[in-house]
């Protein structure tokens, strides 16, 4: 027996197995391209940057959000032959801001060095043997003989 109940702002719907087996009769409504709350990609239909896009990982908000927006906008709208070449000062400002908040914007070098310090650095022989293995595996040429149905591998 299906039923629905309201608890505060939540609406809880209980359904039976039979309810799930029946095909849906829901009607889909076409998306409104002008709906400002509709999720779009990084670039909105009008060409503007969608600062709410989850693909930005929250970079547009936070203590360095304005610097990020300046740098990203500069790059996005850049018409230079080397795209974004005129934006170096904006990116430098953003980087300087991020360096003030290392707990929010950790740098890759710090992650790499801290993970090596925790696990202990690889010894030269471990590194060399790994390199030798990957080199020897990549050295196999397409001309190398491989067993066929008529041949047996030894």
C-alpha atoms as a PDB file:
ATOM      1  CA  UNK A   1       0.000   0.000   0.000  1.00  0.00           C
ATOM      2  CA  UNK A   2       1.579   3.276  -1.148  1.00  0.00           C
ATOM      3  CA  UNK A   3       1.249   6.456   0.832  1.00  0.00           C
ATOM      4  CA  UNK A   4       2.842   9.848   1.318  1.00  0.00           C
ATOM      5  CA  UNK A   5       3.472  11.886   4.444  1.00  0.00           C
ATOM      6  CA  UNK A   6       4.885  15.323   5.101  1.00  0.00           C
ATOM      7  CA  UNK A   7       7.534  15.843   7.801  1.00  0.00           C
ATOM      8  CA  UNK A   8       8.487  19.487   7.998  1.00  0.00           C
ATOM      9  CA  UNK A   9       9.936  20.485   4.653  1.00  0.00           C
ATOM     10  CA  UNK A  10      10.337  16.864   3.523  1.00  0.00           C
ATOM     11  CA  UNK A  11       7.779  14.802   1.658  1.00  0.00           C
ATOM     12  CA  UNK A  12       8.227  11.061   2.211  1.00  0.00           C
ATOM     13  CA  UNK A  13       6.682   8.682  -0.310  1.00  0.00           C
ATOM     14  CA  UNK A  14       6.387   4.985   0.446  1.00  0.00           C
ATOM     15  CA  UNK A  15       5.796   2.701  -2.521  1.00  0.00           C
ATOM     16  CA  UNK A  16       5.269  -0.993  -2.950  1.00  0.00           C
ATOM     17  CA  UNK A  17       7.211  -3.367  -5.169  1.00  0.00           C
ATOM     18  CA  UNK A  18       4.268  -3.380  -7.563  1.00  0.00           C
ATOM     19  CA  UNK A  19       4.429   0.421  -7.835  1.00  0.00           C
ATOM     20  CA  UNK A  20       8.055   0.144  -8.960  1.00  0.00           C
ATOM     21  CA  UNK A  21       7.258  -2.527 -11.541  1.00  0.00           C
ATOM     22  CA  UNK A  22       4.691  -0.376 -13.355  1.00  0.00           C
ATOM     23  CA  UNK A  23       6.075   1.910 -16.092  1.00  0.00           C
ATOM     24  CA  UNK A  24       6.388   5.575 -15.207  1.00  0.00           C
ATOM     25  CA  UNK A  25       3.740   7.985 -16.427  1.00  0.00           C
ATOM     26  CA  UNK A  26       5.813  11.068 -15.608  1.00  0.00           C
ATOM     27  CA  UNK A  27       5.870  13.763 -18.280  1.00  0.00           C
ATOM     28  CA  UNK A  28       9.186  15.418 -18.974  1.00  0.00           C
ATOM     29  CA  UNK A  29       9.177  19.178 -19.402  1.00  0.00           C
ATOM     30  CA  UNK A  30      11.640  20.765 -21.815  1.00  0.00           C
ATOM     31  CA  UNK A  31      14.397  22.751 -20.126  1.00  0.00           C
ATOM     32  CA  UNK A  32      14.111  26.505 -20.246  1.00  0.00           C
ATOM     33  CA  UNK A  33      17.425  27.755 -21.693  1.00  0.00           C
ATOM     34  CA  UNK A  34      16.835  31.140 -20.041  1.00  0.00           C
ATOM     35  CA  UNK A  35      16.344  29.691 -16.547  1.00  0.00           C
ATOM     36  CA  UNK A  36      19.151  31.260 -14.463  1.00  0.00           C
ATOM     37  CA  UNK A  37      18.941  28.405 -11.952  1.00  0.00           C
ATOM     38  CA  UNK A  38      19.260  25.657 -14.544  1.00  0.00           C
ATOM     39  CA  UNK A  39      22.632  23.948 -14.429  1.00  0.00           C
ATOM     40  CA  UNK A  40      24.748  24.636 -17.473  1.00  0.00           C
ATOM     41  CA  UNK A  41      28.331  23.808 -18.209  1.00  0.00           C
ATOM     42  CA  UNK A  42      31.238  26.132 -17.660  1.00  0.00           C
ATOM     43  CA  UNK A  43      30.046  28.550 -20.339  1.00  0.00           C
ATOM     44  CA  UNK A  44      26.479  29.837 -20.273  1.00  0.00           C
ATOM     45  CA  UNK A  45      24.450  30.037 -23.513  1.00  0.00           C
ATOM     46  CA  UNK A  46      25.175  33.788 -23.715  1.00  0.00           C
ATOM     47  CA  UNK A  47      28.955  33.142 -23.592  1.00  0.00           C
ATOM     48  CA  UNK A  48      29.501  34.245 -19.993  1.00  0.00           C
ATOM     49  CA  UNK A  49      31.372  32.128 -17.469  1.00  0.00           C
ATOM     50  CA  UNK A  50      29.114  30.099 -15.164  1.00  0.00           C
ATOM     51  CA  UNK A  51      30.735  30.792 -11.795  1.00  0.00           C
ATOM     52  CA  UNK A  52      28.374  28.264 -10.160  1.00  0.00           C
ATOM     53  CA  UNK A  53      29.633  25.370 -12.291  1.00  0.00           C
ATOM     54  CA  UNK A  54      30.771  22.489 -10.062  1.00  0.00           C
ATOM     55  CA  UNK A  55      33.614  21.977 -12.535  1.00  0.00           C
ATOM     56  CA  UNK A  56      35.358  24.998 -10.990  1.00  0.00           C
ATOM     57  CA  UNK A  57      35.606  23.160  -7.681  1.00  0.00           C
ATOM     58  CA  UNK A  58      34.583  26.183  -5.632  1.00  0.00           C
ATOM     59  CA  UNK A  59      37.537  28.254  -6.839  1.00  0.00           C
ATOM     60  CA  UNK A  60      35.245  31.202  -7.617  1.00  0.00           C
ATOM     61  CA  UNK A  61      34.341  31.528  -3.953  1.00  0.00           C
ATOM     62  CA  UNK A  62      36.544  31.709  -0.897  1.00  0.00           C
ATOM     63  CA  UNK A  63      39.292  34.132   0.028  1.00  0.00           C
ATOM     64  CA  UNK A  64      40.842  34.161  -3.479  1.00  0.00           C
ATOM     65  CA  UNK A  65      37.602  33.986  -5.446  1.00  0.00           C
ATOM     66  CA  UNK A  66      37.840  37.499  -6.877  1.00  0.00           C
ATOM     67  CA  UNK A  67      41.436  36.959  -8.021  1.00  0.00           C
ATOM     68  CA  UNK A  68      40.434  33.631  -9.610  1.00  0.00           C
ATOM     69  CA  UNK A  69      37.514  35.274 -11.426  1.00  0.00           C
ATOM     70  CA  UNK A  70      39.751  38.059 -12.735  1.00  0.00           C
ATOM     71  CA  UNK A  71      42.381  35.620 -14.020  1.00  0.00           C
ATOM     72  CA  UNK A  72      39.893  33.147 -15.466  1.00  0.00           C
ATOM     73  CA  UNK A  73      37.807  35.860 -17.132  1.00  0.00           C
ATOM     74  CA  UNK A  74      40.909  37.422 -18.628  1.00  0.00           C
ATOM     75  CA  UNK A  75      41.938  34.065 -20.081  1.00  0.00           C
ATOM     76  CA  UNK A  76      38.421  33.188 -21.280  1.00  0.00           C
ATOM     77  CA  UNK A  77      37.918  36.463 -23.131  1.00  0.00           C
ATOM     78  CA  UNK A  78      41.517  36.715 -24.373  1.00  0.00           C
ATOM     79  CA  UNK A  79      41.915  37.500 -28.081  1.00  0.00           C
ATOM     80  CA  UNK A  80      45.717  37.406 -28.066  1.00  0.00           C
ATOM     81  CA  UNK A  81      47.640  35.152 -30.441  1.00  0.00           C
ATOM     82  CA  UNK A  82      49.022  33.311 -27.405  1.00  0.00           C
ATOM     83  CA  UNK A  83      45.740  32.999 -25.497  1.00  0.00           C
ATOM     84  CA  UNK A  84      45.952  34.511 -22.039  1.00  0.00           C
ATOM     85  CA  UNK A  85      49.394  36.023 -22.482  1.00  0.00           C
ATOM     86  CA  UNK A  86      48.045  39.369 -21.287  1.00  0.00           C
ATOM     87  CA  UNK A  87      46.700  37.751 -18.093  1.00  0.00           C
ATOM     88  CA  UNK A  88      49.984  36.954 -16.358  1.00  0.00           C
ATOM     89  CA  UNK A  89      49.538  39.701 -13.744  1.00  0.00           C
ATOM     90  CA  UNK A  90      46.049  38.407 -12.873  1.00  0.00           C
ATOM     91  CA  UNK A  91      47.347  34.857 -12.457  1.00  0.00           C
ATOM     92  CA  UNK A  92      50.276  36.127 -10.373  1.00  0.00           C
ATOM     93  CA  UNK A  93      47.826  37.958  -8.082  1.00  0.00           C
ATOM     94  CA  UNK A  94      45.768  34.780  -7.749  1.00  0.00           C
ATOM     95  CA  UNK A  95      48.869  32.710  -6.953  1.00  0.00           C
ATOM     96  CA  UNK A  96      50.032  35.203  -4.318  1.00  0.00           C
ATOM     97  CA  UNK A  97      46.605  35.093  -2.690  1.00  0.00           C
ATOM     98  CA  UNK A  98      46.569  31.291  -2.685  1.00  0.00           C
ATOM     99  CA  UNK A  99      49.993  31.174  -1.050  1.00  0.00           C
ATOM    100  CA  UNK A 100      48.515  33.076   1.894  1.00  0.00           C
ATOM    101  CA  UNK A 101      46.043  30.191   2.466  1.00  0.00           C
ATOM    102  CA  UNK A 102      48.050  26.952   2.103  1.00  0.00           C
ATOM    103  CA  UNK A 103      45.451  24.977   4.073  1.00  0.00           C
ATOM    104  CA  UNK A 104      42.788  25.860   1.469  1.00  0.00           C
ATOM    105  CA  UNK A 105      45.026  25.776  -1.604  1.00  0.00           C
ATOM    106  CA  UNK A 106      47.763  23.170  -1.037  1.00  0.00           C
ATOM    107  CA  UNK A 107      50.570  23.162  -3.578  1.00  0.00           C
ATOM    108  CA  UNK A 108      51.481  19.991  -5.462  1.00  0.00           C
ATOM    109  CA  UNK A 109      55.122  20.109  -4.343  1.00  0.00           C
ATOM    110  CA  UNK A 110      54.050  20.054  -0.710  1.00  0.00           C
ATOM    111  CA  UNK A 111      51.784  17.048  -1.316  1.00  0.00           C
ATOM    112  CA  UNK A 112      54.533  15.172  -3.159  1.00  0.00           C
ATOM    113  CA  UNK A 113      57.228  15.861  -0.581  1.00  0.00           C
ATOM    114  CA  UNK A 114      54.954  15.092   2.381  1.00  0.00           C
ATOM    115  CA  UNK A 115      53.799  11.795   0.870  1.00  0.00           C
ATOM    116  CA  UNK A 116      57.419  10.797   0.194  1.00  0.00           C
ATOM    117  CA  UNK A 117      58.404  11.762   3.731  1.00  0.00           C
ATOM    118  CA  UNK A 118      55.588   9.636   5.199  1.00  0.00           C
ATOM    119  CA  UNK A 119      56.289   6.557   3.103  1.00  0.00           C
ATOM    120  CA  UNK A 120      60.053   7.026   2.968  1.00  0.00           C
ATOM    121  CA  UNK A 121      61.808   7.979  -0.228  1.00  0.00           C
ATOM    122  CA  UNK A 122      62.319   5.244  -2.777  1.00  0.00           C
ATOM    123  CA  UNK A 123      65.876   3.994  -2.821  1.00  0.00           C
ATOM    124  CA  UNK A 124      67.855   4.486  -6.043  1.00  0.00           C
ATOM    125  CA  UNK A 125      67.825   0.744  -6.720  1.00  0.00           C
ATOM    126  CA  UNK A 126      64.031   0.604  -6.406  1.00  0.00           C
ATOM    127  CA  UNK A 127      63.692   3.522  -8.782  1.00  0.00           C
ATOM    128  CA  UNK A 128      66.233   2.077 -11.217  1.00  0.00           C
ATOM    129  CA  UNK A 129      64.577  -1.357 -11.286  1.00  0.00           C
ATOM    130  CA  UNK A 130      61.178   0.226 -11.905  1.00  0.00           C
ATOM    131  CA  UNK A 131      62.599   2.276 -14.754  1.00  0.00           C
ATOM    132  CA  UNK A 132      64.384  -0.743 -16.190  1.00  0.00           C
ATOM    133  CA  UNK A 133      61.198  -2.816 -16.073  1.00  0.00           C
ATOM    134  CA  UNK A 134      59.076  -0.203 -17.789  1.00  0.00           C
ATOM    135  CA  UNK A 135      61.819   0.434 -20.355  1.00  0.00           C
ATOM    136  CA  UNK A 136      62.192  -3.241 -21.188  1.00  0.00           C
ATOM    137  CA  UNK A 137      58.422  -3.651 -21.478  1.00  0.00           C
ATOM    138  CA  UNK A 138      58.137  -0.697 -23.805  1.00  0.00           C
ATOM    139  CA  UNK A 139      61.067  -1.962 -25.882  1.00  0.00           C
ATOM    140  CA  UNK A 140      58.993  -4.844 -27.298  1.00  0.00           C
ATOM    141  CA  UNK A 141      58.610  -4.199 -30.981  1.00  0.00           C
ATOM    142  CA  UNK A 142      55.595  -5.078 -33.095  1.00  0.00           C
ATOM    143  CA  UNK A 143      57.897  -7.464 -35.038  1.00  0.00           C
ATOM    144  CA  UNK A 144      58.397  -9.603 -31.920  1.00  0.00           C
ATOM    145  CA  UNK A 145      57.271 -13.148 -32.457  1.00  0.00           C
ATOM    146  CA  UNK A 146      54.327 -14.287 -30.392  1.00  0.00           C
ATOM    147  CA  UNK A 147      52.948 -17.821 -30.310  1.00  0.00           C
ATOM    148  CA  UNK A 148      50.146 -18.596 -32.740  1.00  0.00           C
ATOM    149  CA  UNK A 149      47.664 -21.449 -32.770  1.00  0.00           C
ATOM    150  CA  UNK A 150      50.278 -23.648 -34.439  1.00  0.00           C
ATOM    151  CA  UNK A 151      53.014 -22.794 -31.963  1.00  0.00           C
ATOM    152  CA  UNK A 152      53.240 -23.433 -28.257  1.00  0.00           C
ATOM    153  CA  UNK A 153      54.685 -21.028 -25.771  1.00  0.00           C
ATOM    154  CA  UNK A 154      57.490 -22.440 -23.671  1.00  0.00           C
END
